[in-house]
C-alpha atoms as a PDB file:
ATOM      1  CA  UNK A   1      39.872 -13.258 -28.024  1.00  0.00           C
ATOM      2  CA  UNK A   2      36.597 -12.860 -26.408  1.00  0.00           C
ATOM      3  CA  UNK A   3      35.087 -11.070 -29.355  1.00  0.00           C
ATOM      4  CA  UNK A   4      35.439 -14.223 -31.330  1.00  0.00           C
ATOM      5  CA  UNK A   5      33.538 -16.341 -28.825  1.00  0.00           C
ATOM      6  CA  UNK A   6      29.810 -16.436 -29.194  1.00  0.00           C
ATOM      7  CA  UNK A   7      27.630 -15.589 -26.206  1.00  0.00           C
ATOM      8  CA  UNK A   8      26.193 -19.043 -25.958  1.00  0.00           C
ATOM      9  CA  UNK A   9      29.815 -20.411 -25.858  1.00  0.00           C
ATOM     10  CA  UNK A  10      30.845 -18.076 -23.230  1.00  0.00           C
ATOM     11  CA  UNK A  11      27.875 -18.898 -21.035  1.00  0.00           C
ATOM     12  CA  UNK A  12      28.430 -22.566 -21.462  1.00  0.00           C
ATOM     13  CA  UNK A  13      32.081 -22.297 -20.443  1.00  0.00           C
ATOM     14  CA  UNK A  14      31.187 -20.153 -17.423  1.00  0.00           C
ATOM     15  CA  UNK A  15      28.527 -22.638 -16.357  1.00  0.00           C
ATOM     16  CA  UNK A  16      30.811 -25.531 -16.613  1.00  0.00           C
ATOM     17  CA  UNK A  17      33.259 -23.798 -14.435  1.00  0.00           C
ATOM     18  CA  UNK A  18      30.732 -23.688 -11.675  1.00  0.00           C
ATOM     19  CA  UNK A  19      29.441 -26.523  -9.430  1.00  0.00           C
ATOM     20  CA  UNK A  20      26.295 -28.285 -10.284  1.00  0.00           C
ATOM     21  CA  UNK A  21      24.112 -26.515  -7.603  1.00  0.00           C
ATOM     22  CA  UNK A  22      25.298 -23.074  -8.739  1.00  0.00           C
ATOM     23  CA  UNK A  23      24.854 -23.741 -12.377  1.00  0.00           C
ATOM     24  CA  UNK A  24      21.276 -25.097 -11.792  1.00  0.00           C
ATOM     25  CA  UNK A  25      20.519 -21.927  -9.875  1.00  0.00           C
ATOM     26  CA  UNK A  26      21.526 -19.837 -12.805  1.00  0.00           C
ATOM     27  CA  UNK A  27      19.401 -21.912 -15.227  1.00  0.00           C
ATOM     28  CA  UNK A  28      16.352 -21.118 -13.131  1.00  0.00           C
ATOM     29  CA  UNK A  29      16.660 -17.457 -14.197  1.00  0.00           C
ATOM     30  CA  UNK A  30      16.701 -18.229 -17.994  1.00  0.00           C
ATOM     31  CA  UNK A  31      13.985 -18.662 -20.505  1.00  0.00           C
ATOM     32  CA  UNK A  32      13.367 -22.192 -21.949  1.00  0.00           C
ATOM     33  CA  UNK A  33      14.997 -21.075 -25.190  1.00  0.00           C
ATOM     34  CA  UNK A  34      18.073 -19.790 -23.363  1.00  0.00           C
ATOM     35  CA  UNK A  35      18.334 -23.084 -21.475  1.00  0.00           C
ATOM     36  CA  UNK A  36      18.038 -25.156 -24.634  1.00  0.00           C
ATOM     37  CA  UNK A  37      20.626 -23.023 -26.514  1.00  0.00           C
ATOM     38  CA  UNK A  38      23.199 -23.057 -23.682  1.00  0.00           C
ATOM     39  CA  UNK A  39      22.559 -26.724 -22.810  1.00  0.00           C
ATOM     40  CA  UNK A  40      23.277 -27.651 -26.523  1.00  0.00           C
ATOM     41  CA  UNK A  41      26.456 -25.580 -26.456  1.00  0.00           C
ATOM     42  CA  UNK A  42      27.547 -27.285 -23.204  1.00  0.00           C
ATOM     43  CA  UNK A  43      26.894 -30.767 -24.694  1.00  0.00           C
ATOM     44  CA  UNK A  44      28.942 -30.017 -27.823  1.00  0.00           C
ATOM     45  CA  UNK A  45      31.731 -28.281 -26.126  1.00  0.00           C
ATOM     46  CA  UNK A  46      34.775 -30.522 -26.760  1.00  0.00           C
ATOM     47  CA  UNK A  47      37.911 -28.652 -25.671  1.00  0.00           C
ATOM     48  CA  UNK A  48      38.503 -25.260 -23.930  1.00  0.00           C
ATOM     49  CA  UNK A  49      41.987 -23.838 -23.860  1.00  0.00           C
ATOM     50  CA  UNK A  50      43.435 -22.216 -20.663  1.00  0.00           C
ATOM     51  CA  UNK A  51      43.530 -18.991 -22.492  1.00  0.00           C
ATOM     52  CA  UNK A  52      39.912 -19.069 -23.572  1.00  0.00           C
ATOM     53  CA  UNK A  53      38.814 -19.975 -20.007  1.00  0.00           C
ATOM     54  CA  UNK A  54      40.980 -17.147 -18.499  1.00  0.00           C
ATOM     55  CA  UNK A  55      39.449 -14.707 -21.006  1.00  0.00           C
ATOM     56  CA  UNK A  56      35.798 -15.773 -20.372  1.00  0.00           C
ATOM     57  CA  UNK A  57      36.315 -15.507 -16.581  1.00  0.00           C
ATOM     58  CA  UNK A  58      38.008 -12.163 -16.911  1.00  0.00           C
ATOM     59  CA  UNK A  59      35.309 -10.763 -19.170  1.00  0.00           C
ATOM     60  CA  UNK A  60      32.673 -12.022 -16.594  1.00  0.00           C
ATOM     61  CA  UNK A  61      34.612 -10.311 -13.673  1.00  0.00           C
ATOM     62  CA  UNK A  62      34.844  -7.042 -15.573  1.00  0.00           C
ATOM     63  CA  UNK A  63      31.259  -6.907 -16.691  1.00  0.00           C
ATOM     64  CA  UNK A  64      30.135  -7.760 -13.143  1.00  0.00           C
ATOM     65  CA  UNK A  65      32.152  -4.854 -11.738  1.00  0.00           C
ATOM     66  CA  UNK A  66      30.653  -2.488 -14.246  1.00  0.00           C
ATOM     67  CA  UNK A  67      27.188  -3.696 -13.467  1.00  0.00           C
ATOM     68  CA  UNK A  68      27.805  -3.175  -9.685  1.00  0.00           C
ATOM     69  CA  UNK A  69      29.274   0.283 -10.261  1.00  0.00           C
ATOM     70  CA  UNK A  70      26.296   1.318 -12.295  1.00  0.00           C
ATOM     71  CA  UNK A  71      23.900   0.255  -9.536  1.00  0.00           C
ATOM     72  CA  UNK A  72      26.007   1.993  -6.765  1.00  0.00           C
ATOM     73  CA  UNK A  73      26.082   5.206  -8.718  1.00  0.00           C
ATOM     74  CA  UNK A  74      22.492   5.230 -10.006  1.00  0.00           C
ATOM     75  CA  UNK A  75      20.997   7.200  -7.148  1.00  0.00           C
ATOM     76  CA  UNK A  76      23.462  10.026  -7.744  1.00  0.00           C
ATOM     77  CA  UNK A  77      22.676  10.022 -11.369  1.00  0.00           C
ATOM     78  CA  UNK A  78      19.008  10.112 -10.868  1.00  0.00           C
ATOM     79  CA  UNK A  79      19.217  12.924  -8.280  1.00  0.00           C
ATOM     80  CA  UNK A  80      21.422  14.976 -10.689  1.00  0.00           C
ATOM     81  CA  UNK A  81      18.895  14.447 -13.570  1.00  0.00           C
ATOM     82  CA  UNK A  82      16.005  15.311 -11.467  1.00  0.00           C
ATOM     83  CA  UNK A  83      17.622  18.416 -10.031  1.00  0.00           C
ATOM     84  CA  UNK A  84      18.269  19.733 -13.433  1.00  0.00           C
ATOM     85  CA  UNK A  85      14.620  18.929 -14.564  1.00  0.00           C
ATOM     86  CA  UNK A  86      12.668  19.979 -11.478  1.00  0.00           C
ATOM     87  CA  UNK A  87      14.894  22.107  -9.354  1.00  0.00           C
ATOM     88  CA  UNK A  88      16.574  21.155  -6.013  1.00  0.00           C
ATOM     89  CA  UNK A  89      13.620  21.393  -3.698  1.00  0.00           C
ATOM     90  CA  UNK A  90      11.209  19.225  -5.843  1.00  0.00           C
ATOM     91  CA  UNK A  91      13.847  16.859  -6.793  1.00  0.00           C
ATOM     92  CA  UNK A  92      15.027  16.135  -3.180  1.00  0.00           C
ATOM     93  CA  UNK A  93      11.315  15.346  -2.250  1.00  0.00           C
ATOM     94  CA  UNK A  94      10.839  13.118  -5.283  1.00  0.00           C
ATOM     95  CA  UNK A  95      14.149  11.363  -4.946  1.00  0.00           C
ATOM     96  CA  UNK A  96      13.397  10.503  -1.336  1.00  0.00           C
ATOM     97  CA  UNK A  97      10.157   8.954  -2.227  1.00  0.00           C
ATOM     98  CA  UNK A  98      11.580   6.923  -5.098  1.00  0.00           C
ATOM     99  CA  UNK A  99      14.489   5.590  -3.036  1.00  0.00           C
ATOM    100  CA  UNK A 100      12.365   4.778   0.030  1.00  0.00           C
ATOM    101  CA  UNK A 101       9.824   3.013  -2.168  1.00  0.00           C
ATOM    102  CA  UNK A 102      12.527   0.966  -3.764  1.00  0.00           C
ATOM    103  CA  UNK A 103      13.779  -0.317  -0.261  1.00  0.00           C
ATOM    104  CA  UNK A 104      10.429  -1.042   1.396  1.00  0.00           C
ATOM    105  CA  UNK A 105      11.023  -3.334   4.252  1.00  0.00           C
ATOM    106  CA  UNK A 106      10.925  -7.010   3.929  1.00  0.00           C
ATOM    107  CA  UNK A 107      10.392  -7.057   7.596  1.00  0.00           C
ATOM    108  CA  UNK A 108       6.981  -5.477   7.199  1.00  0.00           C
ATOM    109  CA  UNK A 109       6.216  -8.083   4.413  1.00  0.00           C
ATOM    110  CA  UNK A 110       7.018 -10.799   6.917  1.00  0.00           C
ATOM    111  CA  UNK A 111       4.681  -9.241   9.479  1.00  0.00           C
ATOM    112  CA  UNK A 112       1.831  -9.087   6.947  1.00  0.00           C
ATOM    113  CA  UNK A 113       2.266 -12.832   6.305  1.00  0.00           C
ATOM    114  CA  UNK A 114       2.321 -13.814   9.936  1.00  0.00           C
ATOM    115  CA  UNK A 115      -0.674 -14.585  12.161  1.00  0.00           C
ATOM    116  CA  UNK A 116      -1.969 -11.549  13.867  1.00  0.00           C
ATOM    117  CA  UNK A 117      -1.584 -13.029  17.210  1.00  0.00           C
ATOM    118  CA  UNK A 118       2.050 -13.695  16.573  1.00  0.00           C
ATOM    119  CA  UNK A 119       2.554 -10.052  15.382  1.00  0.00           C
ATOM    120  CA  UNK A 120       0.759  -8.787  18.583  1.00  0.00           C
ATOM    121  CA  UNK A 121       2.983 -10.892  20.762  1.00  0.00           C
ATOM    122  CA  UNK A 122       6.054  -9.590  19.059  1.00  0.00           C
ATOM    123  CA  UNK A 123       5.349  -5.861  19.357  1.00  0.00           C
ATOM    124  CA  UNK A 124       3.040  -5.552  22.344  1.00  0.00           C
ATOM    125  CA  UNK A 125       5.891  -4.622  24.683  1.00  0.00           C
ATOM    126  CA  UNK A 126       7.335  -2.056  22.424  1.00  0.00           C
ATOM    127  CA  UNK A 127       6.630   1.728  22.958  1.00  0.00           C
ATOM    128  CA  UNK A 128       3.131   2.599  21.640  1.00  0.00           C
ATOM    129  CA  UNK A 129       4.629   5.109  19.241  1.00  0.00           C
ATOM    130  CA  UNK A 130       6.717   2.246  17.720  1.00  0.00           C
ATOM    131  CA  UNK A 131       3.689  -0.056  17.593  1.00  0.00           C
ATOM    132  CA  UNK A 132       1.709   2.606  15.813  1.00  0.00           C
ATOM    133  CA  UNK A 133       4.412   3.224  13.233  1.00  0.00           C
ATOM    134  CA  UNK A 134       4.589  -0.574  12.513  1.00  0.00           C
ATOM    135  CA  UNK A 135       0.892  -0.788  12.239  1.00  0.00           C
ATOM    136  CA  UNK A 136       0.787   2.098   9.780  1.00  0.00           C
ATOM    137  CA  UNK A 137       2.961   0.094   7.430  1.00  0.00           C
ATOM    138  CA  UNK A 138       0.983  -3.071   7.776  1.00  0.00           C
ATOM    139  CA  UNK A 139      -1.926  -4.087   5.418  1.00  0.00           C
ATOM    140  CA  UNK A 140      -5.109  -2.461   6.988  1.00  0.00           C
ATOM    141  CA  UNK A 141      -6.760  -5.748   7.683  1.00  0.00           C
ATOM    142  CA  UNK A 142      -3.571  -7.082   9.436  1.00  0.00           C
ATOM    143  CA  UNK A 143      -3.306  -3.969  11.480  1.00  0.00           C
ATOM    144  CA  UNK A 144      -6.902  -4.167  12.523  1.00  0.00           C
ATOM    145  CA  UNK A 145      -6.538  -7.768  13.539  1.00  0.00           C
ATOM    146  CA  UNK A 146      -3.285  -7.000  15.523  1.00  0.00           C
ATOM    147  CA  UNK A 147      -5.054  -4.117  17.299  1.00  0.00           C
ATOM    148  CA  UNK A 148      -7.812  -6.463  18.520  1.00  0.00           C
ATOM    149  CA  UNK A 149      -5.268  -8.605  20.320  1.00  0.00           C
ATOM    150  CA  UNK A 150      -4.332  -5.639  22.588  1.00  0.00           C
ATOM    151  CA  UNK A 151      -6.026  -4.551  25.838  1.00  0.00           C
ATOM    152  CA  UNK A 152      -8.292  -1.476  25.544  1.00  0.00           C
ATOM    153  CA  UNK A 153      -5.764   0.849  27.055  1.00  0.00           C
ATOM    154  CA  UNK A 154      -3.008  -0.006  24.658  1.00  0.00           C
ATOM    155  CA  UNK A 155      -5.325  -0.262  21.721  1.00  0.00           C
ATOM    156  CA  UNK A 156      -6.835   3.203  22.244  1.00  0.00           C
ATOM    157  CA  UNK A 157      -3.426   4.769  22.835  1.00  0.00           C
ATOM    158  CA  UNK A 158      -1.979   3.266  19.595  1.00  0.00           C
ATOM    159  CA  UNK A 159      -5.069   4.464  17.577  1.00  0.00           C
ATOM    160  CA  UNK A 160      -4.507   8.025  18.986  1.00  0.00           C
ATOM    161  CA  UNK A 161      -0.880   7.902  17.776  1.00  0.00           C
ATOM    162  CA  UNK A 162      -1.821   6.591  14.367  1.00  0.00           C
ATOM    163  CA  UNK A 163      -4.333   9.447  14.136  1.00  0.00           C
ATOM    164  CA  UNK A 164      -1.807  12.074  15.129  1.00  0.00           C
ATOM    165  CA  UNK A 165       1.028  10.521  13.250  1.00  0.00           C
ATOM    166  CA  UNK A 166       2.991  13.036  10.942  1.00  0.00           C
ATOM    167  CA  UNK A 167       6.054  11.076   9.960  1.00  0.00           C
ATOM    168  CA  UNK A 168       9.045   9.393  11.426  1.00  0.00           C
ATOM    169  CA  UNK A 169      12.107  11.476  12.506  1.00  0.00           C
ATOM    170  CA  UNK A 170      15.521  10.003  11.691  1.00  0.00           C
ATOM    171  CA  UNK A 171      16.227   9.141  15.335  1.00  0.00           C
ATOM    172  CA  UNK A 172      12.867   7.284  15.735  1.00  0.00           C
ATOM    173  CA  UNK A 173      13.402   5.729  12.333  1.00  0.00           C
ATOM    174  CA  UNK A 174      16.665   4.195  13.461  1.00  0.00           C
ATOM    175  CA  UNK A 175      15.111   2.866  16.698  1.00  0.00           C
ATOM    176  CA  UNK A 176      12.299   1.294  14.728  1.00  0.00           C
ATOM    177  CA  UNK A 177      14.731  -0.185  12.238  1.00  0.00           C
ATOM    178  CA  UNK A 178      16.637  -1.803  15.171  1.00  0.00           C
ATOM    179  CA  UNK A 179      13.272  -3.131  16.630  1.00  0.00           C
ATOM    180  CA  UNK A 180      12.326  -4.873  13.445  1.00  0.00           C
ATOM    181  CA  UNK A 181      15.955  -6.154  12.889  1.00  0.00           C
ATOM    182  CA  UNK A 182      15.938  -7.686  16.287  1.00  0.00           C
ATOM    183  CA  UNK A 183      12.517  -9.260  15.598  1.00  0.00           C
ATOM    184  CA  UNK A 184      12.911 -10.504  12.006  1.00  0.00           C
ATOM    185  CA  UNK A 185      16.392  -9.578  10.801  1.00  0.00           C
ATOM    186  CA  UNK A 186      14.419  -7.199   8.488  1.00  0.00           C
ATOM    187  CA  UNK A 187      15.635  -4.277   6.354  1.00  0.00           C
ATOM    188  CA  UNK A 188      15.115  -0.638   6.900  1.00  0.00           C
ATOM    189  CA  UNK A 189      11.533   0.820   6.921  1.00  0.00           C
ATOM    190  CA  UNK A 190      10.889   3.665   4.575  1.00  0.00           C
ATOM    191  CA  UNK A 191      10.130   7.023   6.120  1.00  0.00           C
ATOM    192  CA  UNK A 192       6.391   6.908   5.930  1.00  0.00           C
ATOM    193  CA  UNK A 193       4.210   9.739   5.025  1.00  0.00           C
ATOM    194  CA  UNK A 194       1.151   7.678   5.887  1.00  0.00           C
ATOM    195  CA  UNK A 195      -0.691   7.933   9.138  1.00  0.00           C
ATOM    196  CA  UNK A 196      -3.248  10.491  10.166  1.00  0.00           C
ATOM    197  CA  UNK A 197      -7.067  10.532  10.396  1.00  0.00           C
ATOM    198  CA  UNK A 198      -7.500   8.559   7.137  1.00  0.00           C
ATOM    199  CA  UNK A 199      -5.180   5.699   8.225  1.00  0.00           C
ATOM    200  CA  UNK A 200      -6.857   5.568  11.587  1.00  0.00           C
ATOM    201  CA  UNK A 201     -10.331   5.491   9.995  1.00  0.00           C
ATOM    202  CA  UNK A 202      -9.300   2.650   7.569  1.00  0.00           C
ATOM    203  CA  UNK A 203      -8.122   0.532  10.384  1.00  0.00           C
ATOM    204  CA  UNK A 204     -11.051   1.279  12.700  1.00  0.00           C
ATOM    205  CA  UNK A 205     -13.442   0.425   9.862  1.00  0.00           C
ATOM    206  CA  UNK A 206     -12.133  -3.145  10.135  1.00  0.00           C
ATOM    207  CA  UNK A 207     -12.679  -3.411  13.819  1.00  0.00           C
ATOM    208  CA  UNK A 208     -15.813  -4.227  15.856  1.00  0.00           C
ATOM    209  CA  UNK A 209     -18.121  -1.362  16.844  1.00  0.00           C
ATOM    210  CA  UNK A 210     -17.223  -1.501  20.617  1.00  0.00           C
ATOM    211  CA  UNK A 211     -13.634  -1.094  19.902  1.00  0.00           C
ATOM    212  CA  UNK A 212     -14.233   1.593  17.337  1.00  0.00           C
ATOM    213  CA  UNK A 213     -16.352   3.663  19.857  1.00  0.00           C
ATOM    214  CA  UNK A 214     -13.669   3.210  22.581  1.00  0.00           C
ATOM    215  CA  UNK A 215     -10.908   4.343  20.403  1.00  0.00           C
ATOM    216  CA  UNK A 216     -12.884   7.371  19.022  1.00  0.00           C
ATOM    217  CA  UNK A 217     -13.648   8.335  22.601  1.00  0.00           C
ATOM    218  CA  UNK A 218      -9.990   8.242  23.531  1.00  0.00           C
ATOM    219  CA  UNK A 219      -9.072  10.482  20.510  1.00  0.00           C
ATOM    220  CA  UNK A 220     -11.920  12.761  21.272  1.00  0.00           C
ATOM    221  CA  UNK A 221     -10.528  13.399  24.834  1.00  0.00           C
ATOM    222  CA  UNK A 222      -7.284  14.425  23.118  1.00  0.00           C
ATOM    223  CA  UNK A 223      -8.908  16.432  20.330  1.00  0.00           C
ATOM    224  CA  UNK A 224     -12.438  16.703  19.396  1.00  0.00           C
ATOM    225  CA  UNK A 225     -11.597  18.062  15.963  1.00  0.00           C
ATOM    226  CA  UNK A 226      -9.317  15.166  15.233  1.00  0.00           C
ATOM    227  CA  UNK A 227     -12.022  12.575  16.405  1.00  0.00           C
ATOM    228  CA  UNK A 228     -14.471  14.173  13.931  1.00  0.00           C
ATOM    229  CA  UNK A 229     -11.872  13.988  11.119  1.00  0.00           C
ATOM    230  CA  UNK A 230     -11.638  10.261  11.769  1.00  0.00           C
ATOM    231  CA  UNK A 231     -15.355   9.923  11.845  1.00  0.00           C
ATOM    232  CA  UNK A 232     -15.685  11.839   8.570  1.00  0.00           C
ATOM    233  CA  UNK A 233     -13.114   9.475   6.951  1.00  0.00           C
ATOM    234  CA  UNK A 234     -14.795   6.404   8.169  1.00  0.00           C
ATOM    235  CA  UNK A 235     -17.737   6.475   5.861  1.00  0.00           C
ATOM    236  CA  UNK A 236     -17.502   8.616   2.659  1.00  0.00           C
ATOM    237  CA  UNK A 237     -20.331   8.869   0.237  1.00  0.00           C
ATOM    238  CA  UNK A 238     -18.489   6.967  -2.484  1.00  0.00           C
ATOM    239  CA  UNK A 239     -18.480   3.902  -0.127  1.00  0.00           C
ATOM    240  CA  UNK A 240     -22.051   3.391  -1.341  1.00  0.00           C
ATOM    241  CA  UNK A 241     -20.424   1.821  -4.452  1.00  0.00           C
ATOM    242  CA  UNK A 242     -19.372  -1.068  -2.244  1.00  0.00           C
ATOM    243  CA  UNK A 243     -22.776  -1.820  -0.916  1.00  0.00           C
ATOM    244  CA  UNK A 244     -24.709  -4.818  -2.425  1.00  0.00           C
ATOM    245  CA  UNK A 245     -28.231  -4.244  -3.898  1.00  0.00           C
ATOM    246  CA  UNK A 246     -29.976  -5.300  -0.701  1.00  0.00           C
ATOM    247  CA  UNK A 247     -28.195  -2.661   1.261  1.00  0.00           C
ATOM    248  CA  UNK A 248     -28.987  -0.009  -1.350  1.00  0.00           C
ATOM    249  CA  UNK A 249     -32.631  -0.953  -1.108  1.00  0.00           C
ATOM    250  CA  UNK A 250     -32.438  -0.576   2.723  1.00  0.00           C
ATOM    251  CA  UNK A 251     -30.918   2.900   2.212  1.00  0.00           C
ATOM    252  CA  UNK A 252     -33.664   3.933  -0.207  1.00  0.00           C
ATOM    253  CA  UNK A 253     -36.216   3.058   2.393  1.00  0.00           C
ATOM    254  CA  UNK A 254     -34.666   5.382   4.956  1.00  0.00           C
ATOM    255  CA  UNK A 255     -34.347   8.537   2.963  1.00  0.00           C
ATOM    256  CA  UNK A 256     -36.920  10.813   1.172  1.00  0.00           C
ATOM    257  CA  UNK A 257     -36.803  11.596  -2.487  1.00  0.00           C
ATOM    258  CA  UNK A 258     -35.736  15.165  -2.011  1.00  0.00           C
ATOM    259  CA  UNK A 259     -32.557  14.112  -0.061  1.00  0.00           C
ATOM    260  CA  UNK A 260     -31.789  11.547  -2.700  1.00  0.00           C
ATOM    261  CA  UNK A 261     -32.043  14.107  -5.567  1.00  0.00           C
ATOM    262  CA  UNK A 262     -29.658  16.489  -3.631  1.00  0.00           C
ATOM    263  CA  UNK A 263     -27.272  13.620  -2.844  1.00  0.00           C
ATOM    264  CA  UNK A 264     -27.030  12.198  -6.302  1.00  0.00           C
ATOM    265  CA  UNK A 265     -27.019  15.356  -8.279  1.00  0.00           C
ATOM    266  CA  UNK A 266     -23.803  15.384 -10.203  1.00  0.00           C
ATOM    267  CA  UNK A 267     -22.668  12.018  -8.677  1.00  0.00           C
ATOM    268  CA  UNK A 268     -20.663   9.555 -10.823  1.00  0.00           C
ATOM    269  CA  UNK A 269     -22.753   7.676 -13.348  1.00  0.00           C
ATOM    270  CA  UNK A 270     -21.816   4.333 -11.696  1.00  0.00           C
ATOM    271  CA  UNK A 271     -23.243   5.375  -8.383  1.00  0.00           C
ATOM    272  CA  UNK A 272     -26.444   6.810  -9.950  1.00  0.00           C
ATOM    273  CA  UNK A 273     -26.905   3.547 -11.853  1.00  0.00           C
ATOM    274  CA  UNK A 274     -26.498   1.655  -8.651  1.00  0.00           C
ATOM    275  CA  UNK A 275     -29.417   3.376  -7.071  1.00  0.00           C
ATOM    276  CA  UNK A 276     -31.572   3.460 -10.286  1.00  0.00           C
ATOM    277  CA  UNK A 277     -31.472  -0.231 -10.747  1.00  0.00           C
ATOM    278  CA  UNK A 278     -32.764  -0.750  -7.207  1.00  0.00           C
ATOM    279  CA  UNK A 279     -35.797   1.420  -7.814  1.00  0.00           C
ATOM    280  CA  UNK A 280     -38.963   0.784  -9.805  1.00  0.00           C
ATOM    281  CA  UNK A 281     -38.889   2.188 -13.328  1.00  0.00           C
ATOM    282  CA  UNK A 282     -41.393   4.941 -12.427  1.00  0.00           C
ATOM    283  CA  UNK A 283     -39.412   5.963  -9.419  1.00  0.00           C
ATOM    284  CA  UNK A 284     -36.189   6.104 -11.407  1.00  0.00           C
ATOM    285  CA  UNK A 285     -37.813   8.173 -14.129  1.00  0.00           C
ATOM    286  CA  UNK A 286     -39.295  10.661 -11.482  1.00  0.00           C
ATOM    287  CA  UNK A 287     -35.771  10.976  -9.880  1.00  0.00           C
ATOM    288  CA  UNK A 288     -34.098  11.733 -13.029  1.00  0.00           C
ATOM    289  CA  UNK A 289     -36.775  14.405 -13.877  1.00  0.00           C
ATOM    290  CA  UNK A 290     -36.231  15.924 -10.396  1.00  0.00           C
ATOM    291  CA  UNK A 291     -32.508  15.982 -10.980  1.00  0.00           C
ATOM    292  CA  UNK A 292     -32.859  17.579 -14.343  1.00  0.00           C
ATOM    293  CA  UNK A 293     -35.122  20.211 -12.841  1.00  0.00           C
ATOM    294  CA  UNK A 294     -32.682  21.023 -10.109  1.00  0.00           C
ATOM    295  CA  UNK A 295     -29.994  21.595 -12.635  1.00  0.00           C
ATOM    296  CA  UNK A 296     -31.750  24.620 -13.735  1.00  0.00           C
ATOM    297  CA  UNK A 297     -31.453  26.161 -10.296  1.00  0.00           C
ATOM    298  CA  UNK A 298     -27.696  25.786  -9.918  1.00  0.00           C
ATOM    299  CA  UNK A 299     -27.572  22.888  -7.517  1.00  0.00           C
ATOM    300  CA  UNK A 300     -24.108  22.656  -5.902  1.00  0.00           C
ATOM    301  CA  UNK A 301     -21.710  20.216  -7.604  1.00  0.00           C
ATOM    302  CA  UNK A 302     -21.353  16.748  -6.026  1.00  0.00           C
ATOM    303  CA  UNK A 303     -18.255  16.243  -3.995  1.00  0.00           C
ATOM    304  CA  UNK A 304     -16.624  12.707  -3.591  1.00  0.00           C
ATOM    305  CA  UNK A 305     -16.011  13.353   0.153  1.00  0.00           C
ATOM    306  CA  UNK A 306     -19.527  14.251   0.944  1.00  0.00           C
ATOM    307  CA  UNK A 307     -20.845  12.305   3.985  1.00  0.00           C
ATOM    308  CA  UNK A 308     -24.489  10.998   3.983  1.00  0.00           C
ATOM    309  CA  UNK A 309     -26.993  12.458   6.390  1.00  0.00           C
ATOM    310  CA  UNK A 310     -28.086  10.611   9.539  1.00  0.00           C
ATOM    311  CA  UNK A 311     -30.862   8.939   7.686  1.00  0.00           C
ATOM    312  CA  UNK A 312     -28.275   7.486   5.363  1.00  0.00           C
ATOM    313  CA  UNK A 313     -26.336   6.142   8.328  1.00  0.00           C
ATOM    314  CA  UNK A 314     -29.383   4.140   9.436  1.00  0.00           C
ATOM    315  CA  UNK A 315     -28.637   1.385   6.868  1.00  0.00           C
ATOM    316  CA  UNK A 316     -24.840   1.460   7.560  1.00  0.00           C
ATOM    317  CA  UNK A 317     -23.160  -0.322  10.500  1.00  0.00           C
ATOM    318  CA  UNK A 318     -22.083   2.786  12.256  1.00  0.00           C
ATOM    319  CA  UNK A 319     -22.836   4.190  15.579  1.00  0.00           C
ATOM    320  CA  UNK A 320     -25.771   6.766  15.112  1.00  0.00           C
ATOM    321  CA  UNK A 321     -24.078   9.225  17.445  1.00  0.00           C
ATOM    322  CA  UNK A 322     -21.150   9.679  14.895  1.00  0.00           C
ATOM    323  CA  UNK A 323     -23.527  10.984  12.135  1.00  0.00           C
END
């Protein structure tokens, strides 16, 4: 029976069986062409037998169950396919990332949309490790703004925990989930592989210099090596691409030509162009000649993670003692 009914007619019958609000909600998810086609079918629908109505509703029920079953079994199917393709160990790692990413917390999304002061008020009484884990998941600007709302002791403790963060164990993840659920009725957090020196550096870069230094000093008292790793991550050579022309000109005033040649040798063309266009034509030509000459002597390849020397730091808003 159902095979003789067109898709548009089946949709029209089903929508007419719904209340107005529910039918309107369904229409919101259709294209303009689909709305027009089904609306026309609904308008011209004259008579529907009990058998036809029963068949349409039964088909809808059956197809819905198949759709739900497909979604319920999809993770097992993906795991099986990946295991055959990649092996058990690699598949397990990849499937964990895929499934976690697909269930990223709406609770964290909500925290990102709230005023930083409200977020700080919500989480300030939690254990510092829980606060650190929440902040790791937040947008970096939001995390920095929230940290600024804490007193020095709590702020520095949290930064240290972010810097030493290596993941969330299942028990801690459950506790964190309960915290967010209580606060926002949110969903599960994914097991984060974020955290560490880079995350701490990204957040500290968005805070004022006094708070940065205090946090770094706290980390240094725990581990001088870790503090240095954070400092190294706070300003990488490629950050120069984000400077405006005036800042580049200030940098050029603070360094000698020899240091500039060494720094830019093998650098990305975009970075070289940024410096060249802020120099006189003669200075740019001389720089290129020097760089070409250096090439004959096997100058080391440029590394993206290279940090500038102290003289480069002079034009950058970073405490000189960090250089």
